[in-house]
PDB file of N, CA and C in Angstrom:
ATOM      1  N   MET A   1     -12.028  -7.536  14.222  1.00  0.00           N
ATOM      2  CA  MET A   1     -11.649  -6.599  13.183  1.00  0.00           C
ATOM      3  C   MET A   1     -12.202  -7.163  11.849  1.00  0.00           C
ATOM      4  N   ASP A   2     -12.835  -6.321  11.082  1.00  0.00           N
ATOM      5  CA  ASP A   2     -13.368  -6.689   9.794  1.00  0.00           C
ATOM      6  C   ASP A   2     -12.395  -6.378   8.737  1.00  0.00           C
ATOM      7  N   GLU A   3     -11.799  -7.393   8.102  1.00  0.00           N
ATOM      8  CA  GLU A   3     -10.750  -7.201   7.103  1.00  0.00           C
ATOM      9  C   GLU A   3     -11.191  -7.745   5.778  1.00  0.00           C
ATOM     10  N   LEU A   4     -10.817  -7.061   4.687  1.00  0.00           N
ATOM     11  CA  LEU A   4     -11.207  -7.446   3.350  1.00  0.00           C
ATOM     12  C   LEU A   4      -9.963  -7.435   2.475  1.00  0.00           C
ATOM     13  N   ARG A   5      -9.657  -8.565   1.746  1.00  0.00           N
ATOM     14  CA  ARG A   5      -8.518  -8.665   0.876  1.00  0.00           C
ATOM     15  C   ARG A   5      -8.864  -8.262  -0.531  1.00  0.00           C
ATOM     16  N   LEU A   6      -8.091  -7.358  -1.122  1.00  0.00           N
ATOM     17  CA  LEU A   6      -8.362  -6.852  -2.472  1.00  0.00           C
ATOM     18  C   LEU A   6      -7.029  -6.797  -3.249  1.00  0.00           C
ATOM     19  N   ASP A   7      -7.082  -6.419  -4.523  1.00  0.00           N
ATOM     20  CA  ASP A   7      -5.878  -6.307  -5.263  1.00  0.00           C
ATOM     21  C   ASP A   7      -5.320  -4.846  -5.103  1.00  0.00           C
ATOM     22  N   GLY A   8      -4.107  -4.615  -5.611  1.00  0.00           N
ATOM     23  CA  GLY A   8      -3.451  -3.313  -5.382  1.00  0.00           C
ATOM     24  C   GLY A   8      -4.190  -2.122  -5.910  1.00  0.00           C
ATOM     25  N   ASN A   9      -5.037  -2.309  -6.922  1.00  0.00           N
ATOM     26  CA  ASN A   9      -5.790  -1.217  -7.450  1.00  0.00           C
ATOM     27  C   ASN A   9      -6.759  -0.598  -6.430  1.00  0.00           C
ATOM     28  N   ALA A  10      -7.147  -1.398  -5.444  1.00  0.00           N
ATOM     29  CA  ALA A  10      -8.097  -0.924  -4.441  1.00  0.00           C
ATOM     30  C   ALA A  10      -7.512   0.164  -3.549  1.00  0.00           C
ATOM     31  N   ALA A  11      -6.182   0.246  -3.503  1.00  0.00           N
ATOM     32  CA  ALA A  11      -5.500   1.277  -2.709  1.00  0.00           C
ATOM     33  C   ALA A  11      -5.440   2.626  -3.390  1.00  0.00           C
ATOM     34  N   ALA A  12      -5.860   2.693  -4.705  1.00  0.00           N
ATOM     35  CA  ALA A  12      -5.690   3.901  -5.478  1.00  0.00           C
ATOM     36  C   ALA A  12      -6.410   5.105  -4.858  1.00  0.00           C
ATOM     37  N   GLY A  13      -7.625   4.906  -4.364  1.00  0.00           N
ATOM     38  CA  GLY A  13      -8.366   6.021  -3.790  1.00  0.00           C
ATOM     39  C   GLY A  13      -7.703   6.592  -2.560  1.00  0.00           C
ATOM     40  N   THR A  14      -7.370   5.735  -1.607  1.00  0.00           N
ATOM     41  CA  THR A  14      -6.731   6.167  -0.350  1.00  0.00           C
ATOM     42  C   THR A  14      -5.366   6.740  -0.596  1.00  0.00           C
ATOM     43  N   LEU A  15      -4.530   6.040  -1.356  1.00  0.00           N
ATOM     44  CA  LEU A  15      -3.155   6.520  -1.625  1.00  0.00           C
ATOM     45  C   LEU A  15      -3.189   7.731  -2.545  1.00  0.00           C
ATOM     46  N   GLY A  16      -4.226   7.862  -3.386  1.00  0.00           N
ATOM     47  CA  GLY A  16      -4.323   9.034  -4.232  1.00  0.00           C
ATOM     48  C   GLY A  16      -4.605  10.304  -3.380  1.00  0.00           C
ATOM     49  N   GLU A  17      -5.162  10.172  -2.246  1.00  0.00           N
ATOM     50  CA  GLU A  17      -5.347  11.279  -1.301  1.00  0.00           C
ATOM     51  C   GLU A  17      -4.077  11.753  -0.696  1.00  0.00           C
ATOM     52  N   VAL A  18      -3.104  10.846  -0.610  1.00  0.00           N
ATOM     53  CA  VAL A  18      -1.842  11.149   0.030  1.00  0.00           C
ATOM     54  C   VAL A  18      -0.745  11.564  -1.006  1.00  0.00           C
ATOM     55  N   PHE A  19      -0.681  10.849  -2.093  1.00  0.00           N
ATOM     56  CA  PHE A  19       0.370  11.098  -3.087  1.00  0.00           C
ATOM     57  C   PHE A  19      -0.210  11.796  -4.329  1.00  0.00           C
ATOM     58  N   SER A  20       0.603  12.610  -5.033  1.00  0.00           N
ATOM     59  CA  SER A  20       0.108  13.340  -6.200  1.00  0.00           C
ATOM     60  C   SER A  20       0.392  12.623  -7.525  1.00  0.00           C
ATOM     61  N   PHE A  21       0.778  11.337  -7.444  1.00  0.00           N
ATOM     62  CA  PHE A  21       1.075  10.569  -8.697  1.00  0.00           C
ATOM     63  C   PHE A  21       0.176   9.367  -8.731  1.00  0.00           C
ATOM     64  N   GLU A  22       0.086   8.755  -9.917  1.00  0.00           N
ATOM     65  CA  GLU A  22      -0.759   7.564 -10.099  1.00  0.00           C
ATOM     66  C   GLU A  22      -0.114   6.389  -9.351  1.00  0.00           C
ATOM     67  N   VAL A  23      -0.697   6.021  -8.221  1.00  0.00           N
ATOM     68  CA  VAL A  23      -0.099   5.075  -7.345  1.00  0.00           C
ATOM     69  C   VAL A  23      -0.136   3.633  -7.875  1.00  0.00           C
ATOM     70  N   THR A  24      -1.090   3.272  -8.641  1.00  0.00           N
ATOM     71  CA  THR A  24      -1.149   1.889  -9.153  1.00  0.00           C
ATOM     72  C   THR A  24       0.042   1.556 -10.044  1.00  0.00           C
ATOM     73  N   THR A  25       0.644   2.560 -10.744  1.00  0.00           N
ATOM     74  CA  THR A  25       1.778   2.310 -11.572  1.00  0.00           C
ATOM     75  C   THR A  25       3.114   2.587 -10.897  1.00  0.00           C
ATOM     76  N   ALA A  26       3.056   3.049  -9.621  1.00  0.00           N
ATOM     77  CA  ALA A  26       4.274   3.318  -8.886  1.00  0.00           C
ATOM     78  C   ALA A  26       5.010   2.034  -8.631  1.00  0.00           C
ATOM     79  N   GLU A  27       6.334   2.057  -8.737  1.00  0.00           N
ATOM     80  CA  GLU A  27       7.156   0.858  -8.549  1.00  0.00           C
ATOM     81  C   GLU A  27       7.674   0.808  -7.140  1.00  0.00           C
ATOM     82  N   TYR A  28       7.822  -0.387  -6.598  1.00  0.00           N
ATOM     83  CA  TYR A  28       8.344  -0.606  -5.215  1.00  0.00           C
ATOM     84  C   TYR A  28       9.318  -1.766  -5.245  1.00  0.00           C
ATOM     85  N   ALA A  29      10.095  -1.785  -4.204  1.00  0.00           N
ATOM     86  CA  ALA A  29      10.907  -2.980  -3.908  1.00  0.00           C
ATOM     87  C   ALA A  29      10.614  -3.318  -2.452  1.00  0.00           C
ATOM     88  N   CYS A  30      10.367  -4.603  -2.213  1.00  0.00           N
ATOM     89  CA  CYS A  30       9.992  -5.089  -0.874  1.00  0.00           C
ATOM     90  C   CYS A  30      11.233  -5.070   0.010  1.00  0.00           C
ATOM     91  N   GLY A  31      11.066  -4.544   1.231  1.00  0.00           N
ATOM     92  CA  GLY A  31      12.118  -4.548   2.207  1.00  0.00           C
ATOM     93  C   GLY A  31      12.336  -5.946   2.824  1.00  0.00           C
ATOM     94  N   GLY A  32      11.390  -6.842   2.615  1.00  0.00           N
ATOM     95  CA  GLY A  32      11.529  -8.204   3.135  1.00  0.00           C
ATOM     96  C   GLY A  32      12.244  -9.153   2.223  1.00  0.00           C
ATOM     97  N   CYS A  33      11.680  -9.325   0.989  1.00  0.00           N
ATOM     98  CA  CYS A  33      12.247 -10.309   0.071  1.00  0.00           C
ATOM     99  C   CYS A  33      12.969  -9.713  -1.134  1.00  0.00           C
ATOM    100  N   GLY A  34      12.838  -8.355  -1.325  1.00  0.00           N
ATOM    101  CA  GLY A  34      13.499  -7.705  -2.416  1.00  0.00           C
ATOM    102  C   GLY A  34      12.710  -7.713  -3.734  1.00  0.00           C
ATOM    103  N   LYS A  35      11.545  -8.350  -3.739  1.00  0.00           N
ATOM    104  CA  LYS A  35      10.731  -8.393  -4.960  1.00  0.00           C
ATOM    105  C   LYS A  35      10.373  -6.987  -5.372  1.00  0.00           C
ATOM    106  N   ALA A  36      10.446  -6.759  -6.686  1.00  0.00           N
ATOM    107  CA  ALA A  36      10.057  -5.448  -7.246  1.00  0.00           C
ATOM    108  C   ALA A  36       8.801  -5.610  -8.063  1.00  0.00           C
ATOM    109  N   GLY A  37       7.981  -4.563  -8.115  1.00  0.00           N
ATOM    110  CA  GLY A  37       6.761  -4.640  -8.887  1.00  0.00           C
ATOM    111  C   GLY A  37       6.066  -3.315  -8.828  1.00  0.00           C
ATOM    112  N   THR A  38       4.819  -3.258  -9.321  1.00  0.00           N
ATOM    113  CA  THR A  38       3.999  -2.098  -9.241  1.00  0.00           C
ATOM    114  C   THR A  38       2.942  -2.292  -8.152  1.00  0.00           C
ATOM    115  N   LEU A  39       2.535  -1.188  -7.525  1.00  0.00           N
ATOM    116  CA  LEU A  39       1.553  -1.297  -6.438  1.00  0.00           C
ATOM    117  C   LEU A  39       0.232  -1.908  -6.902  1.00  0.00           C
ATOM    118  N   GLY A  40      -0.095  -1.731  -8.201  1.00  0.00           N
ATOM    119  CA  GLY A  40      -1.303  -2.288  -8.761  1.00  0.00           C
ATOM    120  C   GLY A  40      -1.319  -3.820  -8.657  1.00  0.00           C
ATOM    121  N   GLY A  41      -0.167  -4.405  -8.592  1.00  0.00           N
ATOM    122  CA  GLY A  41      -0.026  -5.917  -8.467  1.00  0.00           C
ATOM    123  C   GLY A  41       0.150  -6.415  -7.069  1.00  0.00           C
ATOM    124  N   ALA A  42       0.147  -5.526  -6.107  1.00  0.00           N
ATOM    125  CA  ALA A  42       0.333  -5.923  -4.691  1.00  0.00           C
ATOM    126  C   ALA A  42      -1.016  -6.306  -4.120  1.00  0.00           C
ATOM    127  N   ALA A  43      -0.960  -6.946  -2.971  1.00  0.00           N
ATOM    128  CA  ALA A  43      -2.171  -7.312  -2.249  1.00  0.00           C
ATOM    129  C   ALA A  43      -2.543  -6.193  -1.259  1.00  0.00           C
ATOM    130  N   VAL A  44      -3.820  -5.909  -1.212  1.00  0.00           N
ATOM    131  CA  VAL A  44      -4.299  -4.817  -0.310  1.00  0.00           C
ATOM    132  C   VAL A  44      -5.338  -5.410   0.640  1.00  0.00           C
ATOM    133  N   TYR A  45      -5.185  -5.088   1.886  1.00  0.00           N
ATOM    134  CA  TYR A  45      -6.153  -5.514   2.900  1.00  0.00           C
ATOM    135  C   TYR A  45      -6.780  -4.230   3.453  1.00  0.00           C
ATOM    136  N   GLU A  46      -8.081  -4.141   3.305  1.00  0.00           N
ATOM    137  CA  GLU A  46      -8.776  -2.983   3.790  1.00  0.00           C
ATOM    138  C   GLU A  46      -9.360  -3.352   5.141  1.00  0.00           C
ATOM    139  N   VAL A  47      -8.953  -2.623   6.164  1.00  0.00           N
ATOM    140  CA  VAL A  47      -9.481  -2.863   7.513  1.00  0.00           C
ATOM    141  C   VAL A  47     -10.502  -1.766   7.800  1.00  0.00           C
ATOM    142  N   ARG A  48     -11.727  -2.161   7.831  1.00  0.00           N
ATOM    143  CA  ARG A  48     -12.860  -1.224   7.918  1.00  0.00           C
ATOM    144  C   ARG A  48     -12.656  -0.303   9.103  1.00  0.00           C
ATOM    145  N   ASP A  49     -12.885   0.938   8.880  1.00  0.00           N
ATOM    146  CA  ASP A  49     -12.813   2.065   9.849  1.00  0.00           C
ATOM    147  C   ASP A  49     -11.405   2.304  10.379  1.00  0.00           C
ATOM    148  N   LEU A  50     -10.356   1.617   9.832  1.00  0.00           N
ATOM    149  CA  LEU A  50      -9.004   1.891  10.261  1.00  0.00           C
ATOM    150  C   LEU A  50      -8.105   2.378   9.131  1.00  0.00           C
ATOM    151  N   GLY A  51      -8.121   1.675   7.997  1.00  0.00           N
ATOM    152  CA  GLY A  51      -7.252   2.043   6.892  1.00  0.00           C
ATOM    153  C   GLY A  51      -6.979   0.858   5.990  1.00  0.00           C
ATOM    154  N   ILE A  52      -5.751   0.894   5.395  1.00  0.00           N
ATOM    155  CA  ILE A  52      -5.376  -0.170   4.468  1.00  0.00           C
ATOM    156  C   ILE A  52      -3.964  -0.613   4.741  1.00  0.00           C
ATOM    157  N   ILE A  53      -3.670  -1.844   4.352  1.00  0.00           N
ATOM    158  CA  ILE A  53      -2.324  -2.419   4.405  1.00  0.00           C
ATOM    159  C   ILE A  53      -2.003  -2.968   3.004  1.00  0.00           C
ATOM    160  N   VAL A  54      -0.937  -2.495   2.431  1.00  0.00           N
ATOM    161  CA  VAL A  54      -0.461  -3.006   1.124  1.00  0.00           C
ATOM    162  C   VAL A  54       0.631  -3.983   1.399  1.00  0.00           C
ATOM    163  N   ARG A  55       0.424  -5.223   0.921  1.00  0.00           N
ATOM    164  CA  ARG A  55       1.393  -6.309   1.192  1.00  0.00           C
ATOM    165  C   ARG A  55       2.069  -6.831  -0.088  1.00  0.00           C
ATOM    166  N   CYS A  56       3.292  -7.285   0.111  1.00  0.00           N
ATOM    167  CA  CYS A  56       4.108  -7.879  -0.997  1.00  0.00           C
ATOM    168  C   CYS A  56       3.454  -9.211  -1.407  1.00  0.00           C
ATOM    169  N   PRO A  57       3.230  -9.405  -2.706  1.00  0.00           N
ATOM    170  CA  PRO A  57       2.647 -10.685  -3.125  1.00  0.00           C
ATOM    171  C   PRO A  57       3.651 -11.832  -3.047  1.00  0.00           C
ATOM    172  N   GLY A  58       4.921 -11.497  -2.863  1.00  0.00           N
ATOM    173  CA  GLY A  58       5.933 -12.555  -2.804  1.00  0.00           C
ATOM    174  C   GLY A  58       6.096 -13.147  -1.417  1.00  0.00           C
ATOM    175  N   CYS A  59       6.149 -12.263  -0.365  1.00  0.00           N
ATOM    176  CA  CYS A  59       6.409 -12.757   0.976  1.00  0.00           C
ATOM    177  C   CYS A  59       5.391 -12.262   2.019  1.00  0.00           C
ATOM    178  N   ASP A  60       4.402 -11.517   1.606  1.00  0.00           N
ATOM    179  CA  ASP A  60       3.341 -11.009   2.474  1.00  0.00           C
ATOM    180  C   ASP A  60       3.812  -9.927   3.478  1.00  0.00           C
ATOM    181  N   ASN A  61       5.031  -9.406   3.288  1.00  0.00           N
ATOM    182  CA  ASN A  61       5.537  -8.293   4.083  1.00  0.00           C
ATOM    183  C   ASN A  61       4.608  -7.099   3.932  1.00  0.00           C
ATOM    184  N   ALA A  62       4.332  -6.348   4.997  1.00  0.00           N
ATOM    185  CA  ALA A  62       3.536  -5.117   4.922  1.00  0.00           C
ATOM    186  C   ALA A  62       4.448  -4.048   4.274  1.00  0.00           C
ATOM    187  N   LEU A  63       4.131  -3.635   3.006  1.00  0.00           N
ATOM    188  CA  LEU A  63       4.882  -2.612   2.322  1.00  0.00           C
ATOM    189  C   LEU A  63       4.490  -1.238   2.812  1.00  0.00           C
ATOM    190  N   ILE A  64       3.175  -1.009   2.814  1.00  0.00           N
ATOM    191  CA  ILE A  64       2.647   0.351   3.164  1.00  0.00           C
ATOM    192  C   ILE A  64       1.435   0.112   4.114  1.00  0.00           C
ATOM    193  N   ARG A  65       1.416   0.917   5.165  1.00  0.00           N
ATOM    194  CA  ARG A  65       0.246   0.963   6.056  1.00  0.00           C
ATOM    195  C   ARG A  65      -0.261   2.404   6.035  1.00  0.00           C
ATOM    196  N   VAL A  66      -1.569   2.542   5.867  1.00  0.00           N
ATOM    197  CA  VAL A  66      -2.188   3.834   5.861  1.00  0.00           C
ATOM    198  C   VAL A  66      -3.381   3.867   6.849  1.00  0.00           C
ATOM    199  N   ALA A  67      -3.377   4.790   7.747  1.00  0.00           N
ATOM    200  CA  ALA A  67      -4.547   4.957   8.641  1.00  0.00           C
ATOM    201  C   ALA A  67      -5.110   6.364   8.386  1.00  0.00           C
ATOM    202  N   HIS A  68      -6.373   6.503   8.526  1.00  0.00           N
ATOM    203  CA  HIS A  68      -7.069   7.767   8.416  1.00  0.00           C
ATOM    204  C   HIS A  68      -7.752   8.049   9.727  1.00  0.00           C
ATOM    205  N   ASN A  69      -7.339   9.132  10.372  1.00  0.00           N
ATOM    206  CA  ASN A  69      -7.810   9.430  11.699  1.00  0.00           C
ATOM    207  C   ASN A  69      -7.948  10.942  11.878  1.00  0.00           C
ATOM    208  N   ARG A  70      -9.140  11.368  12.190  1.00  0.00           N
ATOM    209  CA  ARG A  70      -9.391  12.804  12.515  1.00  0.00           C
ATOM    210  C   ARG A  70      -8.959  13.708  11.364  1.00  0.00           C
ATOM    211  N   GLY A  71      -9.245  13.284  10.131  1.00  0.00           N
ATOM    212  CA  GLY A  71      -8.911  14.096   8.982  1.00  0.00           C
ATOM    213  C   GLY A  71      -7.469  14.081   8.556  1.00  0.00           C
ATOM    214  N   ARG A  72      -6.669  13.232   9.143  1.00  0.00           N
ATOM    215  CA  ARG A  72      -5.229  13.147   8.808  1.00  0.00           C
ATOM    216  C   ARG A  72      -4.922  11.726   8.311  1.00  0.00           C
ATOM    217  N   TYR A  73      -3.963  11.641   7.436  1.00  0.00           N
ATOM    218  CA  TYR A  73      -3.489  10.341   7.016  1.00  0.00           C
ATOM    219  C   TYR A  73      -2.149  10.070   7.662  1.00  0.00           C
ATOM    220  N   LEU A  74      -2.035   8.847   8.184  1.00  0.00           N
ATOM    221  CA  LEU A  74      -0.782   8.420   8.787  1.00  0.00           C
ATOM    222  C   LEU A  74      -0.208   7.309   7.888  1.00  0.00           C
ATOM    223  N   VAL A  75       0.962   7.514   7.293  1.00  0.00           N
ATOM    224  CA  VAL A  75       1.538   6.587   6.308  1.00  0.00           C
ATOM    225  C   VAL A  75       2.849   6.011   6.822  1.00  0.00           C
ATOM    226  N   ASP A  76       2.923   4.706   6.745  1.00  0.00           N
ATOM    227  CA  ASP A  76       4.157   3.983   7.204  1.00  0.00           C
ATOM    228  C   ASP A  76       4.675   3.239   5.975  1.00  0.00           C
ATOM    229  N   LEU A  77       5.877   3.590   5.521  1.00  0.00           N
ATOM    230  CA  LEU A  77       6.478   2.997   4.369  1.00  0.00           C
ATOM    231  C   LEU A  77       7.706   2.144   4.699  1.00  0.00           C
ATOM    232  N   ARG A  78       7.860   1.759   5.969  1.00  0.00           N
ATOM    233  CA  ARG A  78       9.009   1.009   6.386  1.00  0.00           C
ATOM    234  C   ARG A  78       9.221  -0.309   5.696  1.00  0.00           C
ATOM    235  N   GLY A  79       8.181  -0.917   5.136  1.00  0.00           N
ATOM    236  CA  GLY A  79       8.328  -2.171   4.498  1.00  0.00           C
ATOM    237  C   GLY A  79       8.844  -2.146   3.092  1.00  0.00           C
ATOM    238  N   THR A  80       9.089  -0.921   2.583  1.00  0.00           N
ATOM    239  CA  THR A  80       9.574  -0.777   1.221  1.00  0.00           C
ATOM    240  C   THR A  80      11.045  -0.306   1.208  1.00  0.00           C
ATOM    241  N   LYS A  81      11.776  -0.800   0.206  1.00  0.00           N
ATOM    242  CA  LYS A  81      13.134  -0.299  -0.004  1.00  0.00           C
ATOM    243  C   LYS A  81      13.064   1.060  -0.685  1.00  0.00           C
ATOM    244  N   TYR A  82      12.091   1.124  -1.665  1.00  0.00           N
ATOM    245  CA  TYR A  82      11.837   2.396  -2.342  1.00  0.00           C
ATOM    246  C   TYR A  82      10.419   2.363  -2.919  1.00  0.00           C
ATOM    247  N   LEU A  83       9.927   3.546  -3.239  1.00  0.00           N
ATOM    248  CA  LEU A  83       8.678   3.751  -3.929  1.00  0.00           C
ATOM    249  C   LEU A  83       8.941   4.813  -4.947  1.00  0.00           C
ATOM    250  N   ALA A  84       8.764   4.497  -6.239  1.00  0.00           N
ATOM    251  CA  ALA A  84       9.073   5.439  -7.335  1.00  0.00           C
ATOM    252  C   ALA A  84       7.897   5.550  -8.281  1.00  0.00           C
ATOM    253  N   THR A  85       7.722   6.758  -8.814  1.00  0.00           N
ATOM    254  CA  THR A  85       6.616   7.015  -9.752  1.00  0.00           C
ATOM    255  C   THR A  85       6.886   6.190 -10.979  1.00  0.00           C
ATOM    256  N   GLY A  86       5.764   5.681 -11.593  1.00  0.00           N
ATOM    257  CA  GLY A  86       5.815   4.775 -12.741  1.00  0.00           C
ATOM    258  C   GLY A  86       6.110   5.394 -14.048  1.00  0.00           C
TER     259      GLY A  86
END
């Protein structure tokens, strides 16, 4: 699997296709360690041809997983306590 680590701003394009707000300024709280921050400051791993994984910079918990398959986005937010517009 070809994986590329980026900062949270790299998720803006993909998450912008799913959400109607500016995702880089959206606030989150990690379901793993409780750290709060904005998605722009999170770590993003782009997995070529599969999607992205947004991880907590505090504990590396997967906050958001997004896959794009057959014209549909599959979004998993289980790693967050909340996601709020900025």
